[in-house]
C-alpha atoms as a PDB file:
ATOM      1  CA  MET A   1     -50.647 -48.602  61.613  1.00  0.00           C
ATOM      2  CA  ILE A   2     -53.118 -46.517  60.053  1.00  0.00           C
ATOM      3  CA  SER A   3     -50.640 -43.008  57.818  1.00  0.00           C
ATOM      4  CA  THR A   4     -51.882 -40.347  59.251  1.00  0.00           C
ATOM      5  CA  THR A   5     -49.746 -38.625  56.513  1.00  0.00           C
ATOM      6  CA  HIS A   6     -51.739 -36.589  53.583  1.00  0.00           C
ATOM      7  CA  LYS A   7     -51.155 -37.994  50.083  1.00  0.00           C
ATOM      8  CA  GLY A   8     -49.467 -34.934  49.284  1.00  0.00           C
ATOM      9  CA  GLU A   9     -47.108 -34.461  51.885  1.00  0.00           C
ATOM     10  CA  ALA A  10     -46.115 -37.755  51.317  1.00  0.00           C
ATOM     11  CA  ALA A  11     -45.228 -37.817  47.233  1.00  0.00           C
ATOM     12  CA  ARG A  12     -43.030 -34.094  48.366  1.00  0.00           C
ATOM     13  CA  PRO A  13     -39.290 -35.896  47.488  1.00  0.00           C
ATOM     14  CA  ARG A  14     -37.837 -35.948  50.968  1.00  0.00           C
ATOM     15  CA  SER A  15     -35.362 -33.802  50.753  1.00  0.00           C
ATOM     16  CA  PRO A  16     -32.196 -34.122  53.512  1.00  0.00           C
ATOM     17  CA  ILE A  17     -31.413 -31.410  54.134  1.00  0.00           C
ATOM     18  CA  LEU A  18     -34.046 -29.871  54.603  1.00  0.00           C
ATOM     19  CA  SER A  19     -35.160 -33.273  57.694  1.00  0.00           C
ATOM     20  CA  ALA A  20     -31.949 -32.441  59.135  1.00  0.00           C
ATOM     21  CA  ILE A  21     -33.439 -28.794  59.326  1.00  0.00           C
ATOM     22  CA  ARG A  22     -36.467 -29.961  61.463  1.00  0.00           C
ATOM     23  CA  ARG A  23     -34.494 -31.839  64.135  1.00  0.00           C
ATOM     24  CA  ARG A  24     -32.496 -29.575  64.827  1.00  0.00           C
ATOM     25  CA  VAL A  25     -35.040 -26.533  64.252  1.00  0.00           C
ATOM     26  CA  PRO A  26     -38.565 -27.753  66.162  1.00  0.00           C
ATOM     27  CA  TRP A  27     -40.648 -24.884  65.229  1.00  0.00           C
ATOM     28  CA  LEU A  28     -39.993 -25.269  61.142  1.00  0.00           C
ATOM     29  CA  ARG A  29     -42.891 -27.081  59.468  1.00  0.00           C
ATOM     30  CA  GLY A  30     -44.350 -26.940  56.820  1.00  0.00           C
ATOM     31  CA  ASP A  31     -43.001 -24.963  53.366  1.00  0.00           C
ATOM     32  CA  THR A  32     -41.564 -22.378  56.470  1.00  0.00           C
ATOM     33  CA  ALA A  33     -37.803 -24.382  56.031  1.00  0.00           C
ATOM     34  CA  LEU A  34     -37.720 -25.030  52.435  1.00  0.00           C
ATOM     35  CA  ALA A  35     -38.581 -20.943  51.719  1.00  0.00           C
ATOM     36  CA  ILE A  36     -36.225 -20.130  54.718  1.00  0.00           C
ATOM     37  CA  LEU A  37     -33.722 -21.965  53.124  1.00  0.00           C
ATOM     38  CA  VAL A  38     -34.312 -21.164  49.563  1.00  0.00           C
ATOM     39  CA  LEU A  39     -34.270 -16.826  50.810  1.00  0.00           C
ATOM     40  CA  SER A  40     -30.999 -17.076  52.902  1.00  0.00           C
ATOM     41  CA  PRO A  41     -28.754 -16.233  49.671  1.00  0.00           C
ATOM     42  CA  SER A  42     -30.451 -13.230  48.709  1.00  0.00           C
ATOM     43  CA  ILE A  43     -31.041 -12.147  52.562  1.00  0.00           C
ATOM     44  CA  LEU A  44     -27.274 -12.914  53.388  1.00  0.00           C
ATOM     45  CA  ALA A  45     -25.997 -11.038  50.090  1.00  0.00           C
ATOM     46  CA  VAL A  46     -28.404  -7.571  51.052  1.00  0.00           C
ATOM     47  CA  ALA A  47     -27.088  -7.283  54.262  1.00  0.00           C
ATOM     48  CA  VAL A  48     -24.154  -7.265  53.309  1.00  0.00           C
ATOM     49  CA  PHE A  49     -23.563  -5.556  50.129  1.00  0.00           C
ATOM     50  CA  ILE A  50     -26.394  -3.158  50.654  1.00  0.00           C
ATOM     51  CA  TYR A  51     -27.255  -2.678  54.358  1.00  0.00           C
ATOM     52  CA  GLY A  52     -23.162  -3.208  55.241  1.00  0.00           C
ATOM     53  CA  PHE A  53     -22.022  -1.297  52.613  1.00  0.00           C
ATOM     54  CA  ILE A  54     -23.830   2.124  53.740  1.00  0.00           C
ATOM     55  CA  VAL A  55     -22.670   1.298  57.189  1.00  0.00           C
ATOM     56  CA  TRP A  56     -19.112   1.855  55.527  1.00  0.00           C
ATOM     57  CA  THR A  57     -19.123   3.819  54.035  1.00  0.00           C
ATOM     58  CA  GLY A  58     -20.493   5.941  57.108  1.00  0.00           C
ATOM     59  CA  TYR A  59     -18.117   4.850  59.069  1.00  0.00           C
ATOM     60  CA  ILE A  60     -15.257   6.096  56.282  1.00  0.00           C
ATOM     61  CA  SER A  61     -16.784   9.780  56.414  1.00  0.00           C
ATOM     62  CA  THR A  62     -15.945   9.494  59.782  1.00  0.00           C
ATOM     63  CA  VAL A  63     -12.523   9.007  59.309  1.00  0.00           C
ATOM     64  CA  LYS A  64      -9.196  10.758  57.343  1.00  0.00           C
ATOM     65  CA  TRP A  65      -7.957   9.416  54.256  1.00  0.00           C
ATOM     66  CA  ASP A  66      -7.452  11.294  51.657  1.00  0.00           C
ATOM     67  CA  THR A  67      -4.947  10.009  49.532  1.00  0.00           C
ATOM     68  CA  VAL A  68      -4.148   7.072  48.318  1.00  0.00           C
ATOM     69  CA  VAL A  69      -2.553   5.718  51.420  1.00  0.00           C
ATOM     70  CA  LYS A  70      -5.633   4.058  53.664  1.00  0.00           C
ATOM     71  CA  ASP A  71      -6.016   6.253  56.661  1.00  0.00           C
ATOM     72  CA  TYR A  72      -8.515   5.266  59.329  1.00  0.00           C
ATOM     73  CA  THR A  73      -7.393   8.094  61.879  1.00  0.00           C
ATOM     74  CA  SER A  74     -11.096   9.184  63.061  1.00  0.00           C
ATOM     75  CA  VAL A  75     -11.942  12.761  62.382  1.00  0.00           C
ATOM     76  CA  GLY A  76     -15.499  12.707  64.080  1.00  0.00           C
ATOM     77  CA  LEU A  77     -17.617  15.192  62.160  1.00  0.00           C
ATOM     78  CA  GLN A  78     -14.514  17.030  60.471  1.00  0.00           C
ATOM     79  CA  ASN A  79     -15.157  16.020  56.916  1.00  0.00           C
ATOM     80  CA  TRP A  80     -18.671  17.218  56.668  1.00  0.00           C
ATOM     81  CA  ILE A  81     -18.426  20.293  58.522  1.00  0.00           C
ATOM     82  CA  ARG A  82     -15.877  20.684  55.611  1.00  0.00           C
ATOM     83  CA  LEU A  83     -18.653  20.361  53.128  1.00  0.00           C
ATOM     84  CA  PHE A  84     -21.035  22.272  53.677  1.00  0.00           C
ATOM     85  CA  GLN A  85     -18.394  24.513  53.333  1.00  0.00           C
ATOM     86  CA  MET A  86     -17.756  23.940  49.960  1.00  0.00           C
ATOM     87  CA  GLU A  87     -19.631  25.892  47.555  1.00  0.00           C
ATOM     88  CA  ARG A  88     -19.530  22.914  44.836  1.00  0.00           C
ATOM     89  CA  PHE A  89     -21.532  21.730  47.234  1.00  0.00           C
ATOM     90  CA  HIS A  90     -23.940  25.083  47.828  1.00  0.00           C
ATOM     91  CA  TRP A  91     -23.892  24.376  44.180  1.00  0.00           C
ATOM     92  CA  ASP A  92     -24.944  20.713  43.937  1.00  0.00           C
ATOM     93  CA  LEU A  93     -28.046  21.465  46.132  1.00  0.00           C
ATOM     94  CA  ARG A  94     -28.664  24.262  43.504  1.00  0.00           C
ATOM     95  CA  SER A  95     -28.382  21.840  40.555  1.00  0.00           C
ATOM     96  CA  LEU A  96     -30.420  18.805  42.802  1.00  0.00           C
ATOM     97  CA  ALA A  97     -33.150  21.714  43.441  1.00  0.00           C
ATOM     98  CA  LEU A  98     -33.571  23.070  39.975  1.00  0.00           C
ATOM     99  CA  TYR A  99     -33.009  19.402  38.562  1.00  0.00           C
ATOM    100  CA  ALA A 100     -35.854  17.617  41.119  1.00  0.00           C
ATOM    101  CA  VAL A 101     -38.492  20.815  39.334  1.00  0.00           C
ATOM    102  CA  GLY A 102     -37.771  20.109  36.262  1.00  0.00           C
ATOM    103  CA  PHE A 103     -37.932  16.353  35.696  1.00  0.00           C
ATOM    104  CA  MET A 104     -40.043  15.273  38.517  1.00  0.00           C
ATOM    105  CA  GLY A 105     -42.618  18.410  37.602  1.00  0.00           C
ATOM    106  CA  GLN A 106     -42.273  17.109  33.362  1.00  0.00           C
ATOM    107  CA  CYS A 107     -42.384  13.930  33.730  1.00  0.00           C
ATOM    108  CA  ILE A 108     -45.413  13.277  35.804  1.00  0.00           C
ATOM    109  CA  LEU A 109     -47.596  16.366  34.139  1.00  0.00           C
ATOM    110  CA  VAL A 110     -46.695  14.876  31.157  1.00  0.00           C
ATOM    111  CA  GLY A 111     -46.638  11.811  32.271  1.00  0.00           C
ATOM    112  CA  PHE A 112     -50.475  11.707  33.810  1.00  0.00           C
ATOM    113  CA  LEU A 113     -51.368  14.132  30.575  1.00  0.00           C
ATOM    114  CA  LEU A 114     -50.238  11.189  27.638  1.00  0.00           C
ATOM    115  CA  ALA A 115     -51.721   8.472  30.136  1.00  0.00           C
ATOM    116  CA  VAL A 116     -55.150  10.217  29.330  1.00  0.00           C
ATOM    117  CA  LEU A 117     -54.951  11.153  26.072  1.00  0.00           C
ATOM    118  CA  LEU A 118     -53.930   7.053  25.348  1.00  0.00           C
ATOM    119  CA  ASP A 119     -57.209   6.235  27.837  1.00  0.00           C
ATOM    120  CA  GLN A 120     -59.780   7.836  25.639  1.00  0.00           C
ATOM    121  CA  LYS A 121     -59.242   4.566  23.025  1.00  0.00           C
ATOM    122  CA  ILE A 122     -57.895   5.872  20.910  1.00  0.00           C
ATOM    123  CA  LYS A 123     -57.053   4.347  17.498  1.00  0.00           C
ATOM    124  CA  GLY A 124     -53.259   3.399  16.700  1.00  0.00           C
ATOM    125  CA  GLU A 125     -53.254   3.326  20.220  1.00  0.00           C
ATOM    126  CA  ALA A 126     -50.494   0.397  20.354  1.00  0.00           C
ATOM    127  CA  ILE A 127     -48.566   2.596  18.588  1.00  0.00           C
ATOM    128  CA  PHE A 128     -48.628   5.824  20.175  1.00  0.00           C
ATOM    129  CA  ARG A 129     -47.661   3.703  23.604  1.00  0.00           C
ATOM    130  CA  THR A 130     -44.920   2.269  21.491  1.00  0.00           C
ATOM    131  CA  ILE A 131     -43.246   6.033  20.729  1.00  0.00           C
ATOM    132  CA  PHE A 132     -44.131   6.694  23.938  1.00  0.00           C
ATOM    133  CA  VAL A 133     -41.985   4.306  25.447  1.00  0.00           C
ATOM    134  CA  PHE A 134     -38.957   3.185  23.681  1.00  0.00           C
ATOM    135  CA  PRO A 135     -37.286   6.476  25.118  1.00  0.00           C
ATOM    136  CA  PHE A 136     -37.467   4.775  27.713  1.00  0.00           C
ATOM    137  CA  ALA A 137     -35.434   1.470  26.691  1.00  0.00           C
ATOM    138  CA  VAL A 138     -32.777   4.045  25.771  1.00  0.00           C
ATOM    139  CA  SER A 139     -29.786   4.083  27.364  1.00  0.00           C
ATOM    140  CA  ALA A 140     -28.454   7.177  29.708  1.00  0.00           C
ATOM    141  CA  ILE A 141     -25.799   7.656  27.703  1.00  0.00           C
ATOM    142  CA  VAL A 142     -27.076   6.786  24.458  1.00  0.00           C
ATOM    143  CA  THR A 143     -29.648   9.382  25.111  1.00  0.00           C
ATOM    144  CA  GLY A 144     -26.671  11.728  26.242  1.00  0.00           C
ATOM    145  CA  VAL A 145     -24.748  11.589  23.418  1.00  0.00           C
ATOM    146  CA  ALA A 146     -27.773  12.443  21.476  1.00  0.00           C
ATOM    147  CA  TRP A 147     -29.249  15.318  23.028  1.00  0.00           C
ATOM    148  CA  ARG A 148     -25.271  16.916  23.035  1.00  0.00           C
ATOM    149  CA  TRP A 149     -26.094  17.074  20.147  1.00  0.00           C
ATOM    150  CA  LEU A 150     -29.463  18.569  20.006  1.00  0.00           C
ATOM    151  CA  MET A 151     -27.874  21.737  22.774  1.00  0.00           C
ATOM    152  CA  GLN A 152     -25.465  22.256  20.071  1.00  0.00           C
ATOM    153  CA  PRO A 153     -25.628  26.368  19.425  1.00  0.00           C
ATOM    154  CA  THR A 154     -25.074  26.389  16.472  1.00  0.00           C
ATOM    155  CA  THR A 155     -27.518  22.888  14.412  1.00  0.00           C
ATOM    156  CA  GLY A 156     -30.151  20.690  16.750  1.00  0.00           C
ATOM    157  CA  LEU A 157     -32.896  22.733  18.444  1.00  0.00           C
ATOM    158  CA  ASN A 158     -31.619  26.187  18.255  1.00  0.00           C
ATOM    159  CA  LEU A 159     -31.384  25.374  13.881  1.00  0.00           C
ATOM    160  CA  LEU A 160     -34.847  23.939  14.511  1.00  0.00           C
ATOM    161  CA  LEU A 161     -37.056  26.599  16.361  1.00  0.00           C
ATOM    162  CA  GLN A 162     -34.783  29.505  13.513  1.00  0.00           C
ATOM    163  CA  LYS A 163     -35.727  27.038  10.586  1.00  0.00           C
ATOM    164  CA  ILE A 164     -39.492  27.052  11.507  1.00  0.00           C
ATOM    165  CA  GLY A 165     -39.752  31.487  11.516  1.00  0.00           C
ATOM    166  CA  PHE A 166     -38.426  32.114  15.091  1.00  0.00           C
ATOM    167  CA  LYS A 167     -35.434  33.861  13.253  1.00  0.00           C
ATOM    168  CA  ASN A 168     -33.447  35.534  16.522  1.00  0.00           C
ATOM    169  CA  PHE A 169     -34.543  32.878  18.665  1.00  0.00           C
ATOM    170  CA  TYR A 170     -30.889  31.501  20.491  1.00  0.00           C
ATOM    171  CA  PHE A 171     -30.186  29.471  23.913  1.00  0.00           C
ATOM    172  CA  ALA A 172     -27.412  28.603  25.310  1.00  0.00           C
ATOM    173  CA  TRP A 173     -29.347  25.206  26.661  1.00  0.00           C
ATOM    174  CA  ASN A 174     -26.651  22.348  28.498  1.00  0.00           C
ATOM    175  CA  ALA A 175     -24.527  25.975  28.587  1.00  0.00           C
ATOM    176  CA  ASP A 176     -25.945  28.108  30.248  1.00  0.00           C
ATOM    177  CA  PRO A 177     -24.784  29.000  33.212  1.00  0.00           C
ATOM    178  CA  LYS A 178     -27.928  30.035  35.733  1.00  0.00           C
ATOM    179  CA  TRP A 179     -30.103  27.289  33.624  1.00  0.00           C
ATOM    180  CA  GLY A 180     -28.467  24.515  31.862  1.00  0.00           C
ATOM    181  CA  ILE A 181     -29.064  22.280  34.495  1.00  0.00           C
ATOM    182  CA  LEU A 182     -32.960  22.685  33.915  1.00  0.00           C
ATOM    183  CA  ALA A 183     -31.713  21.781  29.294  1.00  0.00           C
ATOM    184  CA  ILE A 184     -30.431  18.694  31.438  1.00  0.00           C
ATOM    185  CA  SER A 185     -33.486  17.419  32.605  1.00  0.00           C
ATOM    186  CA  LEU A 186     -34.921  18.226  29.140  1.00  0.00           C
ATOM    187  CA  ALA A 187     -33.714  15.629  27.753  1.00  0.00           C
ATOM    188  CA  ALA A 188     -33.894  12.731  31.284  1.00  0.00           C
ATOM    189  CA  ALA A 189     -38.107  13.738  30.903  1.00  0.00           C
ATOM    190  CA  TRP A 190     -38.033  12.436  27.879  1.00  0.00           C
ATOM    191  CA  GLN A 191     -36.172   9.153  28.647  1.00  0.00           C
ATOM    192  CA  PHE A 192     -38.229   8.511  31.257  1.00  0.00           C
ATOM    193  CA  THR A 193     -41.889  10.550  30.702  1.00  0.00           C
ATOM    194  CA  GLY A 194     -43.196   7.550  29.331  1.00  0.00           C
ATOM    195  CA  TYR A 195     -42.740   5.030  31.942  1.00  0.00           C
ATOM    196  CA  ILE A 196     -44.718   7.344  34.283  1.00  0.00           C
ATOM    197  CA  MET A 197     -47.272   6.899  31.565  1.00  0.00           C
ATOM    198  CA  SER A 198     -46.977   2.861  31.896  1.00  0.00           C
ATOM    199  CA  LEU A 199     -47.289   3.146  35.342  1.00  0.00           C
ATOM    200  CA  TYR A 200     -50.882   6.335  34.971  1.00  0.00           C
ATOM    201  CA  LEU A 201     -52.109   4.316  32.113  1.00  0.00           C
ATOM    202  CA  ALA A 202     -52.060   0.832  34.049  1.00  0.00           C
ATOM    203  CA  GLY A 203     -53.383   3.370  37.161  1.00  0.00           C
ATOM    204  CA  LEU A 204     -55.643   4.982  34.948  1.00  0.00           C
ATOM    205  CA  ARG A 205     -57.523   0.616  33.403  1.00  0.00           C
ATOM    206  CA  GLY A 206     -58.126   0.013  36.705  1.00  0.00           C
ATOM    207  CA  ILE A 207     -61.039   1.782  37.415  1.00  0.00           C
ATOM    208  CA  PRO A 208     -63.279   0.623  36.944  1.00  0.00           C
ATOM    209  CA  GLU A 209     -65.747   2.196  34.444  1.00  0.00           C
ATOM    210  CA  GLU A 210     -69.140   1.787  36.974  1.00  0.00           C
ATOM    211  CA  ILE A 211     -67.243   5.174  39.103  1.00  0.00           C
ATOM    212  CA  ARG A 212     -67.036   7.159  35.672  1.00  0.00           C
ATOM    213  CA  GLU A 213     -71.135   6.368  35.050  1.00  0.00           C
ATOM    214  CA  ALA A 214     -72.180   6.545  38.533  1.00  0.00           C
ATOM    215  CA  ALA A 215     -69.188  10.358  38.470  1.00  0.00           C
ATOM    216  CA  ARG A 216     -71.963  11.176  35.090  1.00  0.00           C
ATOM    217  CA  VAL A 217     -74.984  10.542  35.674  1.00  0.00           C
ATOM    218  CA  ASP A 218     -74.486  12.907  38.884  1.00  0.00           C
ATOM    219  CA  GLY A 219     -73.917  15.903  36.390  1.00  0.00           C
ATOM    220  CA  ALA A 220     -69.916  15.668  37.514  1.00  0.00           C
ATOM    221  CA  GLY A 221     -68.272  17.202  33.580  1.00  0.00           C
ATOM    222  CA  THR A 222     -64.809  16.188  32.485  1.00  0.00           C
ATOM    223  CA  TRP A 223     -62.830  18.419  34.921  1.00  0.00           C
ATOM    224  CA  ALA A 224     -64.977  17.751  37.772  1.00  0.00           C
ATOM    225  CA  LEU A 225     -63.943  13.627  36.736  1.00  0.00           C
ATOM    226  CA  TYR A 226     -60.801  13.927  37.296  1.00  0.00           C
ATOM    227  CA  ARG A 227     -60.041  16.656  40.021  1.00  0.00           C
ATOM    228  CA  ARG A 228     -62.322  14.332  42.290  1.00  0.00           C
ATOM    229  CA  ILE A 229     -62.912  11.053  40.634  1.00  0.00           C
ATOM    230  CA  ILE A 230     -59.797   9.698  38.907  1.00  0.00           C
ATOM    231  CA  ILE A 231     -57.452  11.476  40.330  1.00  0.00           C
ATOM    232  CA  PRO A 232     -58.018  11.026  43.972  1.00  0.00           C
ATOM    233  CA  LEU A 233     -57.520   7.730  42.934  1.00  0.00           C
ATOM    234  CA  LEU A 234     -54.316   7.566  41.471  1.00  0.00           C
ATOM    235  CA  MET A 235     -52.579   9.005  43.994  1.00  0.00           C
ATOM    236  CA  PRO A 236     -50.700   5.707  44.593  1.00  0.00           C
ATOM    237  CA  VAL A 237     -49.665   6.221  41.573  1.00  0.00           C
ATOM    238  CA  THR A 238     -48.526   9.682  41.081  1.00  0.00           C
ATOM    239  CA  PHE A 239     -46.741   8.843  44.869  1.00  0.00           C
ATOM    240  CA  THR A 240     -44.580   6.165  42.885  1.00  0.00           C
ATOM    241  CA  ALA A 241     -44.135   7.779  40.526  1.00  0.00           C
ATOM    242  CA  VAL A 242     -42.604  11.262  43.076  1.00  0.00           C
ATOM    243  CA  VAL A 243     -40.180   8.645  44.584  1.00  0.00           C
ATOM    244  CA  LEU A 244     -39.267   6.991  41.745  1.00  0.00           C
ATOM    245  CA  THR A 245     -38.210  10.275  40.030  1.00  0.00           C
ATOM    246  CA  GLY A 246     -37.188  12.315  42.817  1.00  0.00           C
ATOM    247  CA  MET A 247     -34.512   9.033  43.694  1.00  0.00           C
ATOM    248  CA  GLY A 248     -33.978   9.556  39.917  1.00  0.00           C
ATOM    249  CA  SER A 249     -33.053  12.781  40.796  1.00  0.00           C
ATOM    250  CA  ILE A 250     -30.798  12.131  43.712  1.00  0.00           C
ATOM    251  CA  ARG A 251     -28.267   9.788  42.455  1.00  0.00           C
ATOM    252  CA  VAL A 252     -27.907  11.820  38.165  1.00  0.00           C
ATOM    253  CA  PHE A 253     -24.677  11.324  37.421  1.00  0.00           C
ATOM    254  CA  ASP A 254     -24.021   9.537  33.883  1.00  0.00           C
ATOM    255  CA  LEU A 255     -26.403  12.600  31.328  1.00  0.00           C
ATOM    256  CA  VAL A 256     -24.786  14.950  33.752  1.00  0.00           C
ATOM    257  CA  THR A 257     -21.310  13.776  32.323  1.00  0.00           C
ATOM    258  CA  LEU A 258     -21.988  13.875  28.974  1.00  0.00           C
ATOM    259  CA  LEU A 259     -23.579  17.654  28.990  1.00  0.00           C
ATOM    260  CA  ARG A 260     -21.584  19.044  31.471  1.00  0.00           C
ATOM    261  CA  GLY A 261     -21.643  23.364  31.807  1.00  0.00           C
ATOM    262  CA  PRO A 262     -18.904  25.290  32.429  1.00  0.00           C
ATOM    263  CA  ALA A 263     -17.436  25.320  36.418  1.00  0.00           C
ATOM    264  CA  PHE A 264     -20.013  23.601  38.760  1.00  0.00           C
ATOM    265  CA  THR A 265     -23.273  25.213  37.111  1.00  0.00           C
ATOM    266  CA  THR A 266     -24.738  21.849  36.475  1.00  0.00           C
ATOM    267  CA  ASP A 267     -22.460  19.722  38.847  1.00  0.00           C
ATOM    268  CA  THR A 268     -24.239  16.896  41.138  1.00  0.00           C
ATOM    269  CA  LEU A 269     -24.471  14.915  44.474  1.00  0.00           C
ATOM    270  CA  ALA A 270     -23.373  11.526  42.357  1.00  0.00           C
ATOM    271  CA  PHE A 271     -20.770  13.936  39.819  1.00  0.00           C
ATOM    272  CA  HIS A 272     -18.544  14.752  42.528  1.00  0.00           C
ATOM    273  CA  MET A 273     -18.828  12.244  45.225  1.00  0.00           C
ATOM    274  CA  TYR A 274     -17.555  10.229  41.053  1.00  0.00           C
ATOM    275  CA  GLN A 275     -14.408  13.161  40.900  1.00  0.00           C
ATOM    276  CA  SER A 276     -14.083  13.462  44.534  1.00  0.00           C
ATOM    277  CA  THR A 277     -13.422   9.448  45.061  1.00  0.00           C
ATOM    278  CA  PHE A 278     -11.080   8.150  42.271  1.00  0.00           C
ATOM    279  CA  GLY A 279     -10.597  11.136  40.659  1.00  0.00           C
ATOM    280  CA  LEU A 280      -8.570  13.142  43.252  1.00  0.00           C
ATOM    281  CA  TYR A 281      -8.741   9.927  45.172  1.00  0.00           C
ATOM    282  CA  ARG A 282     -10.218  11.806  48.297  1.00  0.00           C
ATOM    283  CA  PHE A 283     -12.288   8.868  49.585  1.00  0.00           C
ATOM    284  CA  ALA A 284     -13.267  10.102  53.139  1.00  0.00           C
ATOM    285  CA  MET A 285     -14.886  13.236  51.437  1.00  0.00           C
ATOM    286  CA  GLY A 286     -16.168  10.686  49.152  1.00  0.00           C
ATOM    287  CA  ALA A 287     -18.508   8.427  51.559  1.00  0.00           C
ATOM    288  CA  THR A 288     -19.443  11.109  53.679  1.00  0.00           C
ATOM    289  CA  ILE A 289     -20.933  12.899  49.752  1.00  0.00           C
ATOM    290  CA  GLY A 290     -22.359   9.389  49.753  1.00  0.00           C
ATOM    291  CA  PHE A 291     -24.112   9.072  52.292  1.00  0.00           C
ATOM    292  CA  PHE A 292     -26.053  12.551  52.327  1.00  0.00           C
ATOM    293  CA  MET A 293     -26.895  11.051  48.968  1.00  0.00           C
ATOM    294  CA  ILE A 294     -27.912   8.130  51.057  1.00  0.00           C
ATOM    295  CA  PHE A 295     -29.147  10.241  54.270  1.00  0.00           C
ATOM    296  CA  LEU A 296     -31.475  12.705  51.405  1.00  0.00           C
ATOM    297  CA  SER A 297     -32.431   8.953  50.029  1.00  0.00           C
ATOM    298  CA  LEU A 298     -35.059   8.330  53.291  1.00  0.00           C
ATOM    299  CA  PHE A 299     -37.388  10.996  53.279  1.00  0.00           C
ATOM    300  CA  LEU A 300     -38.223   9.133  49.798  1.00  0.00           C
ATOM    301  CA  VAL A 301     -37.761   5.909  51.242  1.00  0.00           C
ATOM    302  CA  VAL A 302     -39.451   6.386  53.886  1.00  0.00           C
ATOM    303  CA  PRO A 303     -42.553   7.171  53.366  1.00  0.00           C
ATOM    304  CA  TYR A 304     -43.087   4.895  50.379  1.00  0.00           C
ATOM    305  CA  LEU A 305     -42.425   2.292  52.822  1.00  0.00           C
ATOM    306  CA  ARG A 306     -44.612   3.340  55.517  1.00  0.00           C
ATOM    307  CA  SER A 307     -48.127   3.737  52.634  1.00  0.00           C
ATOM    308  CA  ILE A 308     -47.160   0.371  51.910  1.00  0.00           C
ATOM    309  CA  GLN A 309     -47.087  -0.626  55.844  1.00  0.00           C
ATOM    310  CA  PHE A 310     -50.493   0.572  55.819  1.00  0.00           C
ATOM    311  CA  GLU A 311     -52.465  -1.062  52.492  1.00  0.00           C
ATOM    312  CA  ALA A 312     -50.875  -3.940  54.158  1.00  0.00           C
ATOM    313  CA  GLU A 313     -52.349  -3.104  57.652  1.00  0.00           C
ATOM    314  CA  ARG A 314     -55.885  -2.738  55.232  1.00  0.00           C
END
């Protein structure tokens, strides 16, 4: 009898588990069964520990659990109404808006400019690239401790600026009641800008040189080249940078913990959620704030997933 089995298939080790699966589920053929078997633990873990906990958080936000003792009495949207009426929550939204503008603006603008400079094939590019990316390898706790010293009123940045000629310069930095959250965004941008720079640099290096040469032949100057060709081609990178920095703005916690200003002037949603849950044991209110943060994240995640799907369909 002549065997119709290919050599490649005959060389594969036969697993009794895969054989049993194929007997019970006839439509599983080839590597499909192996792929499902390998991915199943990860899919199960994601379903339970991410989406399952998201659903659980949404449920806790609708119950009356405001003490150490569990209380699953349903209160509907009462926790949400209380949250939107809290003055501290209004400060959280203000801080989120200011921090997002400062953090996202600095990371994207400075990161792009640094990438453009490195793309000029300057001498010592590897050294500069390492220097710019190095802060990203530093933990947020270390960054917060360092910048807490730099933002001291009588030392750090104030003293440095006074020594170089700005005799009357004084700024409260993170202690400023109005703009302290912007000072914290400065520390966060110092840490994250190098990563955004690396994304833009990879995007710039991915643009064929023929496109730039064709634009120069057509008479396009440097400004026109970047404005009409390079920047539009880098829009997917910019979109990714917006999503990453936007998510970082919503969930910022560690830097704010170390660089807190007076009262609620630098308060954030994540820090408010932490204090409500683990400080005041108001688990329902903490879950409400957490679910609100998830809701805000959808405005970034959903368009990003849609863009990936659109690119895949093209």
